[in-house]
Amino acid sequence: MIKDIYCLCRLTTGDMLRASISTKTLLGVKANEAMENGKLVSDDIVVVIINHASLSLREG
């Protein structure tokens, strides 16, 4: 498969947000507060969560 040849993985913002919330990171707590209040999670929070996830993929 192409994903195996090029070492690709699937990333979704929903999965990243859920992981941050379940591990109770500071950003996860802030994201959870927004979602519990029926608001969208701010771009600032989502971008940092995505950056952290992509950095962890490079390391692992």
PDB file of N, CA and C in Angstrom:
ATOM      1  N   MET A   1       0.828  -1.175   0.000  1.00  0.00           N
ATOM      2  CA  MET A   1       0.000   0.000   0.000  1.00  0.00           C
ATOM      3  C   MET A   1       0.881   1.250   0.000  1.00  0.00           C
ATOM      4  N   ILE A   2       0.315   2.325  -0.509  1.00  0.00           N
ATOM      5  CA  ILE A   2       1.047   3.587  -0.595  1.00  0.00           C
ATOM      6  C   ILE A   2       1.457   4.071   0.795  1.00  0.00           C
ATOM      7  N   LYS A   3       0.562   3.946   1.776  1.00  0.00           N
ATOM      8  CA  LYS A   3       0.887   4.434   3.122  1.00  0.00           C
ATOM      9  C   LYS A   3       2.092   3.716   3.706  1.00  0.00           C
ATOM     10  N   ASP A   4       2.261   2.447   3.371  1.00  0.00           N
ATOM     11  CA  ASP A   4       3.409   1.695   3.874  1.00  0.00           C
ATOM     12  C   ASP A   4       4.689   2.067   3.136  1.00  0.00           C
ATOM     13  N   ILE A   5       4.584   2.278   1.837  1.00  0.00           N
ATOM     14  CA  ILE A   5       5.756   2.629   1.034  1.00  0.00           C
ATOM     15  C   ILE A   5       6.321   3.973   1.468  1.00  0.00           C
ATOM     16  N   TYR A   6       5.435   4.950   1.680  1.00  0.00           N
ATOM     17  CA  TYR A   6       5.876   6.305   2.005  1.00  0.00           C
ATOM     18  C   TYR A   6       5.780   6.635   3.499  1.00  0.00           C
ATOM     19  N   CYS A   7       5.464   5.650   4.311  1.00  0.00           N
ATOM     20  CA  CYS A   7       5.364   5.828   5.769  1.00  0.00           C
ATOM     21  C   CYS A   7       4.377   6.955   6.110  1.00  0.00           C
ATOM     22  N   LEU A   8       3.168   6.855   5.570  1.00  0.00           N
ATOM     23  CA  LEU A   8       2.130   7.859   5.800  1.00  0.00           C
ATOM     24  C   LEU A   8       1.203   7.401   6.920  1.00  0.00           C
ATOM     25  N   CYS A   9       0.626   8.348   7.601  1.00  0.00           N
ATOM     26  CA  CYS A   9      -0.365   8.026   8.614  1.00  0.00           C
ATOM     27  C   CYS A   9      -1.542   8.982   8.477  1.00  0.00           C
ATOM     28  N   ARG A  10      -2.651   8.604   9.085  1.00  0.00           N
ATOM     29  CA  ARG A  10      -3.863   9.413   9.020  1.00  0.00           C
ATOM     30  C   ARG A  10      -3.966  10.243  10.288  1.00  0.00           C
ATOM     31  N   LEU A  11      -4.116  11.538  10.118  1.00  0.00           N
ATOM     32  CA  LEU A  11      -4.293  12.440  11.252  1.00  0.00           C
ATOM     33  C   LEU A  11      -5.624  13.160  11.107  1.00  0.00           C
ATOM     34  N   THR A  12      -6.390  13.204  12.183  1.00  0.00           N
ATOM     35  CA  THR A  12      -7.627  13.980  12.168  1.00  0.00           C
ATOM     36  C   THR A  12      -7.638  14.897  13.384  1.00  0.00           C
ATOM     37  N   THR A  13      -8.160  16.084  13.182  1.00  0.00           N
ATOM     38  CA  THR A  13      -8.201  17.031  14.298  1.00  0.00           C
ATOM     39  C   THR A  13      -9.070  16.490  15.433  1.00  0.00           C
ATOM     40  N   GLY A  14     -10.125  15.780  15.088  1.00  0.00           N
ATOM     41  CA  GLY A  14     -10.988  15.202  16.125  1.00  0.00           C
ATOM     42  C   GLY A  14     -10.230  14.229  17.007  1.00  0.00           C
ATOM     43  N   ASP A  15      -9.442  13.345  16.386  1.00  0.00           N
ATOM     44  CA  ASP A  15      -8.638  12.395  17.161  1.00  0.00           C
ATOM     45  C   ASP A  15      -7.618  13.122  18.032  1.00  0.00           C
ATOM     46  N   MET A  16      -7.003  14.161  17.467  1.00  0.00           N
ATOM     47  CA  MET A  16      -6.000  14.913  18.224  1.00  0.00           C
ATOM     48  C   MET A  16      -6.633  15.649  19.401  1.00  0.00           C
ATOM     49  N   LEU A  17      -7.797  16.235  19.182  1.00  0.00           N
ATOM     50  CA  LEU A  17      -8.499  16.930  20.268  1.00  0.00           C
ATOM     51  C   LEU A  17      -8.902  15.947  21.366  1.00  0.00           C
ATOM     52  N   ARG A  18      -9.456  14.806  20.975  1.00  0.00           N
ATOM     53  CA  ARG A  18      -9.860  13.807  21.967  1.00  0.00           C
ATOM     54  C   ARG A  18      -8.662  13.317  22.776  1.00  0.00           C
ATOM     55  N   ALA A  19      -7.526  13.119  22.113  1.00  0.00           N
ATOM     56  CA  ALA A  19      -6.322  12.673  22.825  1.00  0.00           C
ATOM     57  C   ALA A  19      -5.864  13.730  23.825  1.00  0.00           C
ATOM     58  N   SER A  20      -5.885  14.991  23.415  1.00  0.00           N
ATOM     59  CA  SER A  20      -5.475  16.074  24.323  1.00  0.00           C
ATOM     60  C   SER A  20      -6.424  16.189  25.504  1.00  0.00           C
ATOM     61  N   ILE A  21      -7.703  16.003  25.249  1.00  0.00           N
ATOM     62  CA  ILE A  21      -8.695  16.079  26.321  1.00  0.00           C
ATOM     63  C   ILE A  21      -8.541  14.895  27.274  1.00  0.00           C
ATOM     64  N   SER A  22      -8.374  13.697  26.732  1.00  0.00           N
ATOM     65  CA  SER A  22      -8.300  12.513  27.595  1.00  0.00           C
ATOM     66  C   SER A  22      -7.032  12.481  28.439  1.00  0.00           C
ATOM     67  N   THR A  23      -5.942  13.090  27.937  1.00  0.00           N
ATOM     68  CA  THR A  23      -4.707  13.134  28.723  1.00  0.00           C
ATOM     69  C   THR A  23      -4.638  14.376  29.603  1.00  0.00           C
ATOM     70  N   LYS A  24      -5.689  15.189  29.528  1.00  0.00           N
ATOM     71  CA  LYS A  24      -5.830  16.388  30.373  1.00  0.00           C
ATOM     72  C   LYS A  24      -4.657  17.360  30.240  1.00  0.00           C
ATOM     73  N   THR A  25      -4.213  17.561  28.991  1.00  0.00           N
ATOM     74  CA  THR A  25      -3.197  18.586  28.764  1.00  0.00           C
ATOM     75  C   THR A  25      -3.850  19.951  28.955  1.00  0.00           C
ATOM     76  N   LEU A  26      -3.037  20.975  29.138  1.00  0.00           N
ATOM     77  CA  LEU A  26      -3.578  22.328  29.311  1.00  0.00           C
ATOM     78  C   LEU A  26      -4.441  22.710  28.110  1.00  0.00           C
ATOM     79  N   LEU A  27      -3.946  22.414  26.908  1.00  0.00           N
ATOM     80  CA  LEU A  27      -4.727  22.731  25.707  1.00  0.00           C
ATOM     81  C   LEU A  27      -5.984  21.879  25.628  1.00  0.00           C
ATOM     82  N   GLY A  28      -5.882  20.628  26.064  1.00  0.00           N
ATOM     83  CA  GLY A  28      -7.047  19.754  26.077  1.00  0.00           C
ATOM     84  C   GLY A  28      -8.130  20.261  27.007  1.00  0.00           C
ATOM     85  N   VAL A  29      -7.727  20.766  28.155  1.00  0.00           N
ATOM     86  CA  VAL A  29      -8.690  21.328  29.114  1.00  0.00           C
ATOM     87  C   VAL A  29      -9.375  22.548  28.507  1.00  0.00           C
ATOM     88  N   LYS A  30      -8.593  23.416  27.869  1.00  0.00           N
ATOM     89  CA  LYS A  30      -9.176  24.608  27.238  1.00  0.00           C
ATOM     90  C   LYS A  30     -10.111  24.219  26.096  1.00  0.00           C
ATOM     91  N   ALA A  31      -9.717  23.235  25.301  1.00  0.00           N
ATOM     92  CA  ALA A  31     -10.560  22.777  24.197  1.00  0.00           C
ATOM     93  C   ALA A  31     -11.856  22.187  24.734  1.00  0.00           C
ATOM     94  N   ASN A  32     -11.753  21.402  25.793  1.00  0.00           N
ATOM     95  CA  ASN A  32     -12.932  20.781  26.384  1.00  0.00           C
ATOM     96  C   ASN A  32     -13.894  21.827  26.932  1.00  0.00           C
ATOM     97  N   GLU A  33     -13.361  22.869  27.556  1.00  0.00           N
ATOM     98  CA  GLU A  33     -14.217  23.945  28.069  1.00  0.00           C
ATOM     99  C   GLU A  33     -15.005  24.594  26.936  1.00  0.00           C
ATOM    100  N   ALA A  34     -14.329  24.865  25.830  1.00  0.00           N
ATOM    101  CA  ALA A  34     -15.012  25.478  24.687  1.00  0.00           C
ATOM    102  C   ALA A  34     -16.108  24.554  24.169  1.00  0.00           C
ATOM    103  N   MET A  35     -15.780  23.275  24.007  1.00  0.00           N
ATOM    104  CA  MET A  35     -16.752  22.327  23.457  1.00  0.00           C
ATOM    105  C   MET A  35     -17.931  22.124  24.397  1.00  0.00           C
ATOM    106  N   GLU A  36     -17.671  22.075  25.697  1.00  0.00           N
ATOM    107  CA  GLU A  36     -18.772  21.913  26.657  1.00  0.00           C
ATOM    108  C   GLU A  36     -19.705  23.116  26.663  1.00  0.00           C
ATOM    109  N   ASN A  37     -19.181  24.281  26.299  1.00  0.00           N
ATOM    110  CA  ASN A  37     -20.000  25.492  26.219  1.00  0.00           C
ATOM    111  C   ASN A  37     -20.617  25.684  24.837  1.00  0.00           C
ATOM    112  N   GLY A  38     -20.500  24.670  23.985  1.00  0.00           N
ATOM    113  CA  GLY A  38     -21.109  24.735  22.662  1.00  0.00           C
ATOM    114  C   GLY A  38     -20.378  25.634  21.686  1.00  0.00           C
ATOM    115  N   LYS A  39     -19.129  25.938  21.990  1.00  0.00           N
ATOM    116  CA  LYS A  39     -18.343  26.809  21.121  1.00  0.00           C
ATOM    117  C   LYS A  39     -17.348  25.990  20.312  1.00  0.00           C
ATOM    118  N   LEU A  40     -16.827  26.614  19.274  1.00  0.00           N
ATOM    119  CA  LEU A  40     -15.755  25.996  18.506  1.00  0.00           C
ATOM    120  C   LEU A  40     -14.438  26.192  19.245  1.00  0.00           C
ATOM    121  N   VAL A  41     -13.553  25.227  19.110  1.00  0.00           N
ATOM    122  CA  VAL A  41     -12.219  25.366  19.688  1.00  0.00           C
ATOM    123  C   VAL A  41     -11.459  26.363  18.824  1.00  0.00           C
ATOM    124  N   SER A  42     -10.775  27.296  19.457  1.00  0.00           N
ATOM    125  CA  SER A  42     -10.094  28.352  18.706  1.00  0.00           C
ATOM    126  C   SER A  42      -8.981  27.781  17.832  1.00  0.00           C
ATOM    127  N   ASP A  43      -8.738  28.469  16.726  1.00  0.00           N
ATOM    128  CA  ASP A  43      -7.670  28.063  15.813  1.00  0.00           C
ATOM    129  C   ASP A  43      -6.327  28.019  16.525  1.00  0.00           C
ATOM    130  N   ASP A  44      -6.100  28.954  17.437  1.00  0.00           N
ATOM    131  CA  ASP A  44      -4.826  28.990  18.163  1.00  0.00           C
ATOM    132  C   ASP A  44      -4.578  27.680  18.903  1.00  0.00           C
ATOM    133  N   ILE A  45      -5.595  27.158  19.550  1.00  0.00           N
ATOM    134  CA  ILE A  45      -5.467  25.903  20.294  1.00  0.00           C
ATOM    135  C   ILE A  45      -5.292  24.735  19.338  1.00  0.00           C
ATOM    136  N   VAL A  46      -6.112  24.673  18.300  1.00  0.00           N
ATOM    137  CA  VAL A  46      -6.058  23.558  17.356  1.00  0.00           C
ATOM    138  C   VAL A  46      -4.706  23.498  16.648  1.00  0.00           C
ATOM    139  N   VAL A  47      -4.175  24.640  16.245  1.00  0.00           N
ATOM    140  CA  VAL A  47      -2.888  24.660  15.540  1.00  0.00           C
ATOM    141  C   VAL A  47      -1.772  24.128  16.432  1.00  0.00           C
ATOM    142  N   VAL A  48      -1.771  24.511  17.694  1.00  0.00           N
ATOM    143  CA  VAL A  48      -0.727  24.019  18.606  1.00  0.00           C
ATOM    144  C   VAL A  48      -0.873  22.511  18.821  1.00  0.00           C
ATOM    145  N   ILE A  49      -2.098  22.031  18.967  1.00  0.00           N
ATOM    146  CA  ILE A  49      -2.324  20.589  19.129  1.00  0.00           C
ATOM    147  C   ILE A  49      -1.832  19.840  17.894  1.00  0.00           C
ATOM    148  N   ILE A  50      -2.111  20.354  16.706  1.00  0.00           N
ATOM    149  CA  ILE A  50      -1.640  19.724  15.469  1.00  0.00           C
ATOM    150  C   ILE A  50      -0.119  19.723  15.419  1.00  0.00           C
ATOM    151  N   ASN A  51       0.497  20.838  15.782  1.00  0.00           N
ATOM    152  CA  ASN A  51       1.964  20.907  15.778  1.00  0.00           C
ATOM    153  C   ASN A  51       2.568  19.887  16.733  1.00  0.00           C
ATOM    154  N   HIS A  52       2.001  19.747  17.918  1.00  0.00           N
ATOM    155  CA  HIS A  52       2.506  18.767  18.884  1.00  0.00           C
ATOM    156  C   HIS A  52       2.376  17.353  18.326  1.00  0.00           C
ATOM    157  N   ALA A  53       1.252  17.061  17.699  1.00  0.00           N
ATOM    158  CA  ALA A  53       1.042  15.726  17.138  1.00  0.00           C
ATOM    159  C   ALA A  53       2.028  15.439  16.017  1.00  0.00           C
ATOM    160  N   SER A  54       2.260  16.410  15.151  1.00  0.00           N
ATOM    161  CA  SER A  54       3.184  16.180  14.036  1.00  0.00           C
ATOM    162  C   SER A  54       4.617  16.033  14.538  1.00  0.00           C
ATOM    163  N   LEU A  55       4.983  16.771  15.579  1.00  0.00           N
ATOM    164  CA  LEU A  55       6.326  16.623  16.150  1.00  0.00           C
ATOM    165  C   LEU A  55       6.509  15.247  16.773  1.00  0.00           C
ATOM    166  N   SER A  56       5.477  14.749  17.442  1.00  0.00           N
ATOM    167  CA  SER A  56       5.596  13.429  18.063  1.00  0.00           C
ATOM    168  C   SER A  56       5.706  12.333  17.010  1.00  0.00           C
ATOM    169  N   LEU A  57       5.115  12.531  15.839  1.00  0.00           N
ATOM    170  CA  LEU A  57       5.250  11.549  14.762  1.00  0.00           C
ATOM    171  C   LEU A  57       6.672  11.519  14.223  1.00  0.00           C
ATOM    172  N   ARG A  58       7.285  12.673  14.119  1.00  0.00           N
ATOM    173  CA  ARG A  58       8.666  12.733  13.632  1.00  0.00           C
ATOM    174  C   ARG A  58       9.620  12.045  14.590  1.00  0.00           C
ATOM    175  N   GLU A  59       9.331  12.146  15.888  1.00  0.00           N
ATOM    176  CA  GLU A  59      10.203  11.552  16.897  1.00  0.00           C
ATOM    177  C   GLU A  59      10.017  10.045  16.995  1.00  0.00           C
ATOM    178  N   GLY A  60       8.810   9.569  16.691  1.00  0.00           N
ATOM    179  CA  GLY A  60       8.518   8.159  16.891  1.00  0.00           C
ATOM    180  C   GLY A  60       8.424   7.415  15.642  1.00  0.00           C
TER     181      GLY A  60
END
